[in-house]
């Protein structure tokens, strides 16, 4: 039997303190390879169903343990502030903040990208009929023995993926606007913020809101390190989890869920320490202790911005028709027009 991972141990240590300020639950128990491990969720703030919400997620891919570690770093700061920060307390009377720090605990324990049954949870949502996925990396339904396996055609979603989406839907279904951040690693030398759709290179209906967030990010953190772009500029995905969450919320109307995927540029860690590529985890995570500490503190300003943007959503995310048209045009020119790269 494989012992609980250090990340799960840290998370479960935080749960006692968290339960004094919010609601702690187990969404599902993930199973595979003889393991049965909990998927924990935490919820803080108002119970008002129509409040804006922020969802913070990590650990969808088991090899990318830095995603969970970054989320746990923010959760640690968040819980410490709850003990004394009156501004945060007031914010939580007006919004809801939720965490699912480790979606795929079995994958993390087994040191594999997929879950315990060999399914890539990020590609496990029902396929969309308009999808033209990039071969292989965009997902395949052939075999769990091959990478990027999204599950067998027609099979129900994996328990971890389905439980995450149920939780996200329950916390955001009546929100005028909700933000989500899902932390991953393993692509390029810069930190990217990806937004839907991942299945197509067409712009999503809430392009104006995404571009308004870009302006917020650029103006509030003018020296930030993030490259904000649609996922599909890099590759298209079959069964993308956040496309499905976005589409589900958009179909209901009356509000929107804007999911962002933070893709940490792990190639930079490899460039600085080439020997770590010889390690299974080295291609996706900082190995040197000082680089890990730097990564854990590097993204706290982004989390703070997301929290403030959530509680203040009416100040930036509901443009009048003229401004919406201008934001749509600017977003299209930045990300979808010919030559926009």
Protein backbone atom coordinates (compact mmCIF):
# COMPACT_ATOMS: atom_id res chain seq x y z
CA UNK A 1 0.00 0.00 0.00
CA UNK A 2 1.32 3.44 -0.98
CA UNK A 3 1.34 5.94 1.88
CA UNK A 4 -0.60 9.19 1.58
CA UNK A 5 1.32 11.79 -0.41
CA UNK A 6 2.91 14.77 1.38
CA UNK A 7 0.41 17.05 -0.35
CA UNK A 8 -2.57 15.08 1.00
CA UNK A 9 -1.01 15.09 4.48
CA UNK A 10 -0.61 18.89 4.36
CA UNK A 11 -4.16 19.34 3.10
CA UNK A 12 -5.65 17.17 5.82
CA UNK A 13 -3.69 19.11 8.45
CA UNK A 14 -5.32 22.31 7.17
CA UNK A 15 -8.84 20.91 7.29
CA UNK A 16 -9.28 21.26 11.07
CA UNK A 17 -8.51 24.96 10.98
CA UNK A 18 -10.56 25.42 7.85
CA UNK A 19 -13.64 23.85 9.42
CA UNK A 20 -13.76 26.67 12.00
CA UNK A 21 -14.27 29.22 9.25
CA UNK A 22 -16.10 27.36 6.50
CA UNK A 23 -17.47 24.06 5.27
CA UNK A 24 -15.23 21.05 4.61
CA UNK A 25 -16.48 18.03 2.68
CA UNK A 26 -15.36 14.95 0.77
CA UNK A 27 -16.69 15.08 -2.80
CA UNK A 28 -15.84 11.46 -3.60
CA UNK A 29 -13.27 8.79 -2.84
CA UNK A 30 -10.92 8.21 -5.76
CA UNK A 31 -9.99 4.57 -6.32
CA UNK A 32 -7.47 2.57 -8.31
CA UNK A 33 -4.42 0.31 -7.91
CA UNK A 34 -5.68 -0.78 -4.50
CA UNK A 35 -5.95 2.80 -3.23
CA UNK A 36 -8.99 4.69 -1.96
CA UNK A 37 -8.26 8.35 -1.25
CA UNK A 38 -10.56 11.31 -0.54
CA UNK A 39 -11.13 14.30 -2.81
CA UNK A 40 -11.59 17.17 -0.35
CA UNK A 41 -13.47 20.41 -0.99
CA UNK A 42 -13.58 23.56 1.12
CA UNK A 43 -16.12 26.39 0.93
CA UNK A 44 -15.99 29.80 2.61
CA UNK A 45 -18.20 32.86 2.54
CA UNK A 46 -21.85 33.61 1.98
CA UNK A 47 -24.52 30.98 1.37
CA UNK A 48 -26.44 33.37 -0.88
CA UNK A 49 -26.91 31.43 -4.14
CA UNK A 50 -26.65 34.58 -6.28
CA UNK A 51 -23.30 35.68 -4.84
CA UNK A 52 -20.22 35.80 -7.09
CA UNK A 53 -17.88 32.86 -6.56
CA UNK A 54 -14.24 31.92 -6.97
CA UNK A 55 -13.25 28.26 -7.42
CA UNK A 56 -9.58 27.25 -6.98
CA UNK A 57 -8.55 23.79 -8.22
CA UNK A 58 -5.34 21.76 -8.32
CA UNK A 59 -4.06 18.24 -8.79
CA UNK A 60 -6.10 17.21 -11.84
CA UNK A 61 -2.96 15.62 -13.29
CA UNK A 62 -1.06 13.49 -10.81
CA UNK A 63 2.42 14.18 -12.23
CA UNK A 64 1.90 17.93 -11.88
CA UNK A 65 2.09 18.02 -8.09
CA UNK A 66 3.18 21.68 -8.17
CA UNK A 67 -0.42 22.55 -9.05
CA UNK A 68 -1.66 21.21 -5.73
CA UNK A 69 1.30 22.78 -3.90
CA UNK A 70 0.52 26.24 -5.33
CA UNK A 71 -3.15 25.90 -4.33
CA UNK A 72 -2.15 24.76 -0.83
CA UNK A 73 0.18 27.78 -0.52
CA UNK A 74 -2.75 30.09 -1.25
CA UNK A 75 -5.07 28.13 1.05
CA UNK A 76 -2.50 28.42 3.87
CA UNK A 77 -2.31 32.19 3.41
CA UNK A 78 -6.09 32.45 3.11
CA UNK A 79 -6.68 30.56 6.38
CA UNK A 80 -4.06 32.62 8.22
CA UNK A 81 -5.74 35.83 7.06
CA UNK A 82 -9.15 34.63 8.18
CA UNK A 83 -7.92 34.83 11.77
CA UNK A 84 -7.28 38.59 11.64
CA UNK A 85 -8.11 40.19 8.27
CA UNK A 86 -11.34 42.19 8.64
CA UNK A 87 -11.23 43.19 4.97
CA UNK A 88 -11.27 39.51 3.95
CA UNK A 89 -14.07 38.85 6.42
CA UNK A 90 -16.16 41.61 4.87
CA UNK A 91 -15.41 40.29 1.37
CA UNK A 92 -16.66 36.84 2.33
CA UNK A 93 -19.99 38.30 3.36
CA UNK A 94 -20.41 39.26 -0.30
CA UNK A 95 -18.84 36.33 -2.17
CA UNK A 96 -17.97 32.65 -1.94
CA UNK A 97 -14.48 31.12 -2.22
CA UNK A 98 -14.07 27.37 -2.79
CA UNK A 99 -11.05 25.08 -3.01
CA UNK A 100 -10.54 21.60 -4.44
CA UNK A 101 -6.77 21.33 -3.99
CA UNK A 102 -6.28 17.69 -5.02
CA UNK A 103 -8.72 16.32 -7.59
CA UNK A 104 -6.64 13.25 -8.50
CA UNK A 105 -5.06 11.91 -5.28
CA UNK A 106 -4.55 8.40 -6.66
CA UNK A 107 -2.73 9.72 -9.72
CA UNK A 108 -0.54 11.83 -7.45
CA UNK A 109 0.24 8.82 -5.26
CA UNK A 110 1.05 6.66 -8.29
CA UNK A 111 3.09 9.40 -10.00
CA UNK A 112 1.01 9.31 -13.15
CA UNK A 113 -0.86 11.93 -15.13
CA UNK A 114 -4.08 9.93 -15.31
CA UNK A 115 -6.28 8.76 -12.46
CA UNK A 116 -6.23 5.28 -10.95
CA UNK A 117 -8.05 3.84 -13.96
CA UNK A 118 -5.79 5.39 -16.56
CA UNK A 119 -8.12 8.24 -17.56
CA UNK A 120 -6.89 11.78 -18.17
CA UNK A 121 -9.48 13.73 -16.17
CA UNK A 122 -8.90 16.92 -18.15
CA UNK A 123 -10.18 15.15 -21.29
CA UNK A 124 -12.97 13.15 -19.65
CA UNK A 125 -15.98 15.39 -20.32
CA UNK A 126 -18.56 14.34 -22.94
CA UNK A 127 -17.23 15.04 -26.45
CA UNK A 128 -18.71 18.07 -28.20
CA UNK A 129 -19.91 17.49 -31.77
CA UNK A 130 -18.00 20.53 -33.07
CA UNK A 131 -14.63 19.39 -31.71
CA UNK A 132 -11.68 18.92 -34.02
CA UNK A 133 -9.02 17.86 -31.53
CA UNK A 134 -5.28 17.99 -32.08
CA UNK A 135 -4.24 14.35 -32.64
CA UNK A 136 -3.30 12.45 -29.48
CA UNK A 137 -2.37 15.40 -27.23
CA UNK A 138 -5.93 16.66 -27.65
CA UNK A 139 -7.32 13.42 -26.26
CA UNK A 140 -7.95 9.89 -27.51
CA UNK A 141 -10.56 7.23 -26.73
CA UNK A 142 -8.54 4.23 -27.93
CA UNK A 143 -6.82 2.85 -24.84
CA UNK A 144 -5.79 3.78 -21.29
CA UNK A 145 -2.39 2.29 -22.13
CA UNK A 146 -1.75 5.33 -24.31
CA UNK A 147 -1.38 8.91 -23.00
CA UNK A 148 -4.21 11.47 -22.99
CA UNK A 149 -6.91 8.80 -22.75
CA UNK A 150 -10.24 10.53 -22.16
CA UNK A 151 -12.24 7.41 -21.32
CA UNK A 152 -14.09 4.90 -23.46
CA UNK A 153 -16.68 6.30 -25.85
CA UNK A 154 -20.09 6.41 -24.22
CA UNK A 155 -18.79 5.62 -20.72
CA UNK A 156 -19.87 7.84 -17.81
CA UNK A 157 -17.42 10.42 -16.56
CA UNK A 158 -14.85 9.33 -14.01
CA UNK A 159 -15.98 9.82 -10.39
CA UNK A 160 -13.38 12.51 -9.68
CA UNK A 161 -14.25 14.57 -12.78
CA UNK A 162 -18.00 14.22 -12.27
CA UNK A 163 -17.75 15.14 -8.57
CA UNK A 164 -15.67 18.23 -9.35
CA UNK A 165 -18.16 19.45 -11.95
CA UNK A 166 -21.11 18.83 -9.62
CA UNK A 167 -19.40 20.88 -6.93
CA UNK A 168 -18.55 23.71 -9.33
CA UNK A 169 -22.13 23.75 -10.63
CA UNK A 170 -23.62 23.78 -7.13
CA UNK A 171 -21.45 26.71 -6.07
CA UNK A 172 -21.89 28.81 -9.22
CA UNK A 173 -25.28 27.92 -10.73
CA UNK A 174 -26.97 31.18 -9.67
CA UNK A 175 -23.89 33.45 -9.59
CA UNK A 176 -24.01 36.47 -11.89
CA UNK A 177 -20.36 35.71 -12.61
CA UNK A 178 -17.97 33.11 -11.20
CA UNK A 179 -14.25 32.73 -11.76
CA UNK A 180 -12.30 29.48 -11.59
CA UNK A 181 -8.56 28.88 -11.61
CA UNK A 182 -7.18 25.38 -12.22
CA UNK A 183 -3.41 25.08 -11.69
CA UNK A 184 -1.31 22.81 -13.93
CA UNK A 185 2.27 22.67 -15.21
CA UNK A 186 4.25 21.37 -18.09
CA UNK A 187 4.09 23.67 -21.09
CA UNK A 188 6.75 26.09 -22.30
CA UNK A 189 8.96 28.63 -20.55
CA UNK A 190 6.28 31.15 -19.57
CA UNK A 191 3.30 30.92 -17.25
CA UNK A 192 0.13 30.85 -19.33
CA UNK A 193 -3.45 31.60 -18.37
CA UNK A 194 -5.68 29.65 -20.77
CA UNK A 195 -9.40 30.21 -21.23
CA UNK A 196 -12.13 28.32 -23.18
CA UNK A 197 -12.95 27.16 -25.62
CA UNK A 198 -10.33 24.42 -25.85
CA UNK A 199 -12.30 22.45 -28.46
CA UNK A 200 -12.38 25.08 -31.22
CA UNK A 201 -10.53 28.14 -32.39
CA UNK A 202 -13.77 30.13 -32.45
CA UNK A 203 -14.23 32.81 -29.73
CA UNK A 204 -16.49 32.03 -26.79
CA UNK A 205 -19.63 34.12 -26.14
CA UNK A 206 -18.13 35.82 -23.07
CA UNK A 207 -15.08 37.17 -24.87
CA UNK A 208 -15.89 40.68 -23.60
CA UNK A 209 -15.69 39.52 -19.98
CA UNK A 210 -12.41 37.71 -20.62
CA UNK A 211 -10.89 40.79 -22.22
CA UNK A 212 -12.19 42.94 -19.35
CA UNK A 213 -10.36 40.58 -16.99
CA UNK A 214 -7.21 40.95 -19.12
CA UNK A 215 -7.41 44.72 -18.68
CA UNK A 216 -7.89 44.24 -14.93
CA UNK A 217 -4.84 41.96 -14.79
CA UNK A 218 -2.63 44.26 -16.87
CA UNK A 219 -3.61 47.42 -14.99
CA UNK A 220 -3.53 45.97 -11.47
CA UNK A 221 -0.41 43.81 -11.86
CA UNK A 222 1.47 45.67 -14.63
CA UNK A 223 4.61 43.55 -14.14
CA UNK A 224 2.82 40.20 -14.09
CA UNK A 225 4.36 37.14 -15.71
CA UNK A 226 1.27 35.64 -17.36
CA UNK A 227 0.47 35.14 -21.03
CA UNK A 228 -3.34 35.14 -21.30
CA UNK A 229 -4.71 33.34 -24.36
CA UNK A 230 -7.33 30.79 -25.49
CA UNK A 231 -6.23 27.18 -24.97
CA UNK A 232 -6.98 26.44 -28.62
CA UNK A 233 -4.18 28.71 -29.80
CA UNK A 234 -1.81 25.98 -28.60
CA UNK A 235 -3.89 22.83 -29.22
CA UNK A 236 -7.53 21.77 -29.29
CA UNK A 237 -8.95 19.25 -26.83
CA UNK A 238 -11.68 16.62 -27.03
CA UNK A 239 -13.75 16.43 -23.85
CA UNK A 240 -12.15 19.37 -22.06
CA UNK A 241 -13.41 19.53 -18.48
CA UNK A 242 -13.63 23.32 -18.27
CA UNK A 243 -15.27 23.68 -21.68
CA UNK A 244 -18.01 21.41 -20.35
CA UNK A 245 -18.35 23.42 -17.12
CA UNK A 246 -18.47 26.69 -19.08
CA UNK A 247 -21.04 25.37 -21.57
CA UNK A 248 -23.24 23.97 -18.80
CA UNK A 249 -23.34 27.32 -17.03
CA UNK A 250 -23.81 29.30 -20.25
CA UNK A 251 -26.73 27.09 -21.34
CA UNK A 252 -28.56 27.95 -18.13
CA UNK A 253 -28.30 31.68 -18.86
CA UNK A 254 -28.43 34.55 -16.42
CA UNK A 255 -24.73 34.47 -15.62
CA UNK A 256 -21.41 32.96 -16.55
CA UNK A 257 -18.54 30.84 -15.29
CA UNK A 258 -15.16 32.03 -16.56
CA UNK A 259 -12.63 29.20 -16.04
CA UNK A 260 -8.91 29.91 -16.33
CA UNK A 261 -6.18 27.28 -16.44
CA UNK A 262 -2.82 28.39 -15.06
CA UNK A 263 -0.25 26.40 -17.01
CA UNK A 264 3.08 26.85 -15.23
CA UNK A 265 6.03 26.92 -17.62
CA UNK A 266 7.94 23.89 -16.39
CA UNK A 267 10.49 23.99 -19.21
CA UNK A 268 12.12 26.93 -17.44
CA UNK A 269 12.87 24.75 -14.40
CA UNK A 270 14.40 22.12 -16.68
CA UNK A 271 16.47 24.76 -18.48
CA UNK A 272 17.95 25.92 -15.18
CA UNK A 273 18.51 22.37 -13.92
CA UNK A 274 18.74 20.03 -16.96
CA UNK A 275 19.51 16.97 -14.84
CA UNK A 276 16.02 16.99 -13.40
CA UNK A 277 14.58 15.86 -16.73
CA UNK A 278 15.98 12.43 -15.82
CA UNK A 279 13.43 12.30 -12.98
CA UNK A 280 9.80 11.29 -13.61
CA UNK A 281 8.60 14.38 -11.77
CA UNK A 282 11.36 16.67 -12.98
CA UNK A 283 9.69 17.56 -16.27
CA UNK A 284 6.68 19.04 -14.48
CA UNK A 285 7.83 20.35 -11.10
CA UNK A 286 10.58 22.48 -9.58
CA UNK A 287 12.99 20.10 -7.83
CA UNK A 288 15.40 22.55 -6.20
CA UNK A 289 14.04 23.77 -2.85
CA UNK A 290 14.63 27.47 -3.58
CA UNK A 291 12.78 27.22 -6.91
CA UNK A 292 9.86 25.52 -5.22
CA UNK A 293 9.65 28.29 -2.60
CA UNK A 294 9.86 30.94 -5.33
CA UNK A 295 7.04 29.27 -7.27
CA UNK A 296 4.82 29.00 -4.19
CA UNK A 297 5.07 32.74 -3.48
CA UNK A 298 5.15 33.88 -7.12
CA UNK A 299 1.43 33.43 -7.72
CA UNK A 300 -0.04 34.87 -4.51
CA UNK A 301 -0.65 38.29 -6.13
CA UNK A 302 -2.72 36.58 -8.85
CA UNK A 303 -4.86 34.79 -6.26
CA UNK A 304 -5.36 38.08 -4.40
CA UNK A 305 -6.44 39.75 -7.65
CA UNK A 306 -8.89 36.93 -8.40
CA UNK A 307 -10.42 37.24 -4.94
CA UNK A 308 -10.82 40.99 -5.28
CA UNK A 309 -12.15 40.65 -8.81
CA UNK A 310 -14.75 38.17 -7.54
CA UNK A 311 -16.07 40.32 -4.72
CA UNK A 312 -16.03 43.43 -6.95
CA UNK A 313 -17.35 41.74 -10.07
CA UNK A 314 -20.02 44.34 -10.76
CA UNK A 315 -17.35 47.02 -11.08
CA UNK A 316 -15.67 45.45 -14.12
CA UNK A 317 -17.55 42.49 -15.61
CA UNK A 318 -20.92 43.82 -16.77
CA UNK A 319 -20.18 46.24 -19.62
CA UNK A 320 -22.92 48.29 -21.26
CA UNK A 321 -23.67 47.41 -24.91
CA UNK A 322 -21.24 49.92 -26.39
CA UNK A 323 -18.39 48.88 -24.12
CA UNK A 324 -19.21 45.20 -24.69
CA UNK A 325 -18.85 45.71 -28.44
CA UNK A 326 -15.51 47.45 -27.93
CA UNK A 327 -14.24 44.69 -25.61
CA UNK A 328 -15.39 41.99 -28.03
CA UNK A 329 -13.57 43.72 -30.88
CA UNK A 330 -10.40 44.13 -28.83
CA UNK A 331 -10.48 40.50 -27.69
CA UNK A 332 -11.01 39.25 -31.23
CA UNK A 333 -8.14 41.39 -32.52
CA UNK A 334 -5.84 40.18 -29.73
CA UNK A 335 -6.57 36.46 -29.96
CA UNK A 336 -8.54 35.42 -33.04
CA UNK A 337 -7.82 37.76 -35.96
CA UNK A 338 -5.33 36.74 -38.65
CA UNK A 339 -1.83 37.59 -37.51
CA UNK A 340 -2.87 38.04 -33.87
CA UNK A 341 -0.06 35.80 -32.64
